[in-house]
Amino acid sequence: CVRSSVLSNGLLQDALLAQGLSTDEATEMATHWLPALTKKEFVLIEFLPSEELDKRAKLNAVPMPALIHRVFMLFRSTDTEHSCNLPLVRSPALALPREAKKPVIVEWGGMECF
């Protein structure tokens, strides 16, 4: 659980970079989600592991790319502070080779949980 005001001070960007997104991708995702994340004073955020996301929302592409990287954020805005034991910024499960010449899919998204 973090104060929503610190997300716009770089914490969200750092968390998205730690998930393996490029600077441009992290900026796009942060810009999109920041208004929803800062509706209330605090926000609980967790990033769904890729394996879990693949189980819940399969991704099919034709042709299948050489690399698929998915980042999905679950969050809940709240007016009260909650303790949680998950760090917002974690090491990425996958470092993306940005010079890849083969097709690559990068998908990012999120969902507010009530």
C-alpha atoms as a PDB file:
ATOM      1  CA  CYS A   1       0.000   0.000   0.000  1.00  0.00           C
ATOM      2  CA  VAL A   2       1.438   3.351  -0.989  1.00  0.00           C
ATOM      3  CA  ARG A   3       0.339   6.947  -0.834  1.00  0.00           C
ATOM      4  CA  SER A   4      -1.038   7.633  -4.292  1.00  0.00           C
ATOM      5  CA  SER A   5       0.787  10.972  -4.450  1.00  0.00           C
ATOM      6  CA  VAL A   6       4.210   9.239  -4.579  1.00  0.00           C
ATOM      7  CA  LEU A   7       3.256   7.334  -7.737  1.00  0.00           C
ATOM      8  CA  SER A   8       3.529  10.467  -9.853  1.00  0.00           C
ATOM      9  CA  ASN A   9       6.970  11.170  -8.339  1.00  0.00           C
ATOM     10  CA  GLY A  10       8.541   8.245 -10.198  1.00  0.00           C
ATOM     11  CA  LEU A  11       7.565   5.238  -8.081  1.00  0.00           C
ATOM     12  CA  LEU A  12       5.100   3.908 -10.658  1.00  0.00           C
ATOM     13  CA  GLN A  13       7.604   4.445 -13.477  1.00  0.00           C
ATOM     14  CA  ASP A  14      10.279   2.562 -11.481  1.00  0.00           C
ATOM     15  CA  ALA A  15       7.859  -0.301 -10.789  1.00  0.00           C
ATOM     16  CA  LEU A  16       6.984  -0.606 -14.483  1.00  0.00           C
ATOM     17  CA  LEU A  17      10.645  -0.515 -15.528  1.00  0.00           C
ATOM     18  CA  ALA A  18      11.306  -3.260 -12.977  1.00  0.00           C
ATOM     19  CA  GLN A  19       8.602  -5.327 -14.719  1.00  0.00           C
ATOM     20  CA  GLY A  20      10.696  -5.253 -17.885  1.00  0.00           C
ATOM     21  CA  LEU A  21       8.982  -2.480 -19.825  1.00  0.00           C
ATOM     22  CA  SER A  22      11.084  -0.049 -21.834  1.00  0.00           C
ATOM     23  CA  THR A  23      11.118   3.612 -20.788  1.00  0.00           C
ATOM     24  CA  ASP A  24       8.597   4.503 -23.530  1.00  0.00           C
ATOM     25  CA  GLU A  25       6.291   1.595 -22.623  1.00  0.00           C
ATOM     26  CA  ALA A  26       6.484   2.403 -18.889  1.00  0.00           C
ATOM     27  CA  THR A  27       5.716   6.066 -19.604  1.00  0.00           C
ATOM     28  CA  GLU A  28       2.702   5.140 -21.754  1.00  0.00           C
ATOM     29  CA  MET A  29       1.329   2.774 -19.105  1.00  0.00           C
ATOM     30  CA  ALA A  30       1.939   5.232 -16.251  1.00  0.00           C
ATOM     31  CA  THR A  31       0.287   8.067 -18.184  1.00  0.00           C
ATOM     32  CA  HIS A  32      -2.735   5.885 -18.898  1.00  0.00           C
ATOM     33  CA  TRP A  33      -3.215   4.503 -15.372  1.00  0.00           C
ATOM     34  CA  LEU A  34      -2.070   7.359 -13.117  1.00  0.00           C
ATOM     35  CA  PRO A  35      -5.478   9.127 -13.011  1.00  0.00           C
ATOM     36  CA  ALA A  36      -7.209   5.924 -11.841  1.00  0.00           C
ATOM     37  CA  LEU A  37      -4.448   5.141  -9.330  1.00  0.00           C
ATOM     38  CA  THR A  38      -4.593   8.558  -7.682  1.00  0.00           C
ATOM     39  CA  LYS A  39      -8.357   8.828  -7.094  1.00  0.00           C
ATOM     40  CA  LYS A  40      -7.942   8.250  -3.361  1.00  0.00           C
ATOM     41  CA  GLU A  41      -5.170   8.847  -0.835  1.00  0.00           C
ATOM     42  CA  PHE A  42      -3.773   5.295  -0.889  1.00  0.00           C
ATOM     43  CA  VAL A  43      -3.548   2.518  -3.441  1.00  0.00           C
ATOM     44  CA  LEU A  44      -2.781  -1.184  -3.186  1.00  0.00           C
ATOM     45  CA  ILE A  45      -0.931  -2.443  -6.266  1.00  0.00           C
ATOM     46  CA  GLU A  46       0.187  -5.899  -7.315  1.00  0.00           C
ATOM     47  CA  PHE A  47       1.589  -7.078 -10.628  1.00  0.00           C
ATOM     48  CA  LEU A  48       0.194 -10.387 -11.810  1.00  0.00           C
ATOM     49  CA  PRO A  49       2.984 -12.847 -12.677  1.00  0.00           C
ATOM     50  CA  SER A  50       3.130 -13.693 -16.389  1.00  0.00           C
ATOM     51  CA  GLU A  51       2.370 -17.372 -15.737  1.00  0.00           C
ATOM     52  CA  GLU A  52      -0.815 -16.429 -13.880  1.00  0.00           C
ATOM     53  CA  LEU A  53      -1.855 -13.965 -16.574  1.00  0.00           C
ATOM     54  CA  ASP A  54      -1.284 -16.615 -19.266  1.00  0.00           C
ATOM     55  CA  LYS A  55      -3.599 -19.000 -17.364  1.00  0.00           C
ATOM     56  CA  ARG A  56      -6.362 -16.408 -16.993  1.00  0.00           C
ATOM     57  CA  ALA A  57      -6.111 -14.632 -20.354  1.00  0.00           C
ATOM     58  CA  LYS A  58      -4.496 -16.601 -23.113  1.00  0.00           C
ATOM     59  CA  LEU A  59      -2.909 -14.627 -25.909  1.00  0.00           C
ATOM     60  CA  ASN A  60      -2.984 -15.970 -29.452  1.00  0.00           C
ATOM     61  CA  ALA A  61      -1.180 -14.356 -32.351  1.00  0.00           C
ATOM     62  CA  VAL A  62      -0.588 -15.493 -35.905  1.00  0.00           C
ATOM     63  CA  PRO A  63       2.213 -15.826 -36.546  1.00  0.00           C
ATOM     64  CA  MET A  64       3.425 -16.390 -32.984  1.00  0.00           C
ATOM     65  CA  PRO A  65       6.139 -13.861 -32.165  1.00  0.00           C
ATOM     66  CA  ALA A  66       9.611 -14.744 -30.962  1.00  0.00           C
ATOM     67  CA  LEU A  67       8.859 -13.050 -27.625  1.00  0.00           C
ATOM     68  CA  ILE A  68       5.708 -12.163 -25.682  1.00  0.00           C
ATOM     69  CA  HIS A  69       6.015  -9.936 -22.630  1.00  0.00           C
ATOM     70  CA  ARG A  70       2.901  -9.104 -20.617  1.00  0.00           C
ATOM     71  CA  VAL A  71       2.565  -6.750 -17.651  1.00  0.00           C
ATOM     72  CA  PHE A  72      -0.759  -6.654 -15.813  1.00  0.00           C
ATOM     73  CA  MET A  73      -1.426  -4.568 -12.723  1.00  0.00           C
ATOM     74  CA  LEU A  74      -4.190  -5.169 -10.184  1.00  0.00           C
ATOM     75  CA  PHE A  75      -4.994  -2.253  -7.903  1.00  0.00           C
ATOM     76  CA  ARG A  76      -7.452  -0.924  -5.356  1.00  0.00           C
ATOM     77  CA  SER A  77      -7.754   2.702  -4.326  1.00  0.00           C
ATOM     78  CA  THR A  78      -8.614   3.363  -0.690  1.00  0.00           C
ATOM     79  CA  ASP A  79      -8.870   6.216   1.800  1.00  0.00           C
ATOM     80  CA  THR A  80      -7.182   4.195   4.538  1.00  0.00           C
ATOM     81  CA  GLU A  81      -3.656   2.860   4.736  1.00  0.00           C
ATOM     82  CA  HIS A  82      -3.275  -0.919   4.681  1.00  0.00           C
ATOM     83  CA  SER A  83      -0.180  -2.939   5.360  1.00  0.00           C
ATOM     84  CA  CYS A  84       1.045  -5.287   2.708  1.00  0.00           C
ATOM     85  CA  ASN A  85       4.129  -7.435   2.425  1.00  0.00           C
ATOM     86  CA  LEU A  86       4.687  -7.187  -1.341  1.00  0.00           C
ATOM     87  CA  PRO A  87       7.211  -4.689  -2.640  1.00  0.00           C
ATOM     88  CA  LEU A  88       5.885  -2.496  -5.433  1.00  0.00           C
ATOM     89  CA  VAL A  89       9.210  -2.543  -7.258  1.00  0.00           C
ATOM     90  CA  ARG A  90      10.537  -6.044  -7.946  1.00  0.00           C
ATOM     91  CA  SER A  91      13.131  -7.486 -10.254  1.00  0.00           C
ATOM     92  CA  PRO A  92      11.707  -8.317 -13.668  1.00  0.00           C
ATOM     93  CA  ALA A  93      11.006 -11.920 -14.510  1.00  0.00           C
ATOM     94  CA  LEU A  94      12.217 -11.300 -18.048  1.00  0.00           C
ATOM     95  CA  ALA A  95      14.711  -8.855 -19.460  1.00  0.00           C
ATOM     96  CA  LEU A  96      13.566  -7.922 -22.941  1.00  0.00           C
ATOM     97  CA  PRO A  97      16.179  -7.801 -25.680  1.00  0.00           C
ATOM     98  CA  ARG A  98      15.330  -4.425 -27.237  1.00  0.00           C
ATOM     99  CA  GLU A  99      17.424  -5.101 -30.321  1.00  0.00           C
ATOM    100  CA  ALA A 100      15.337  -8.155 -31.230  1.00  0.00           C
ATOM    101  CA  LYS A 101      14.827  -8.419 -34.977  1.00  0.00           C
ATOM    102  CA  LYS A 102      12.059 -10.999 -34.740  1.00  0.00           C
ATOM    103  CA  PRO A 103       8.440 -10.086 -33.971  1.00  0.00           C
ATOM    104  CA  VAL A 104       7.807  -9.169 -30.334  1.00  0.00           C
ATOM    105  CA  ILE A 105       4.509  -8.519 -28.532  1.00  0.00           C
ATOM    106  CA  VAL A 106       4.539  -6.271 -25.477  1.00  0.00           C
ATOM    107  CA  GLU A 107       1.169  -6.021 -23.743  1.00  0.00           C
ATOM    108  CA  TRP A 108       0.399  -3.938 -20.681  1.00  0.00           C
ATOM    109  CA  GLY A 109      -2.816  -3.406 -18.818  1.00  0.00           C
ATOM    110  CA  GLY A 110      -4.512  -3.264 -15.483  1.00  0.00           C
ATOM    111  CA  MET A 111      -7.739  -3.597 -13.573  1.00  0.00           C
ATOM    112  CA  GLU A 112      -9.179  -1.990 -10.468  1.00  0.00           C
ATOM    113  CA  CYS A 113     -10.359  -4.547  -7.916  1.00  0.00           C
ATOM    114  CA  PHE A 114     -13.127  -3.483  -5.573  1.00  0.00           C
END
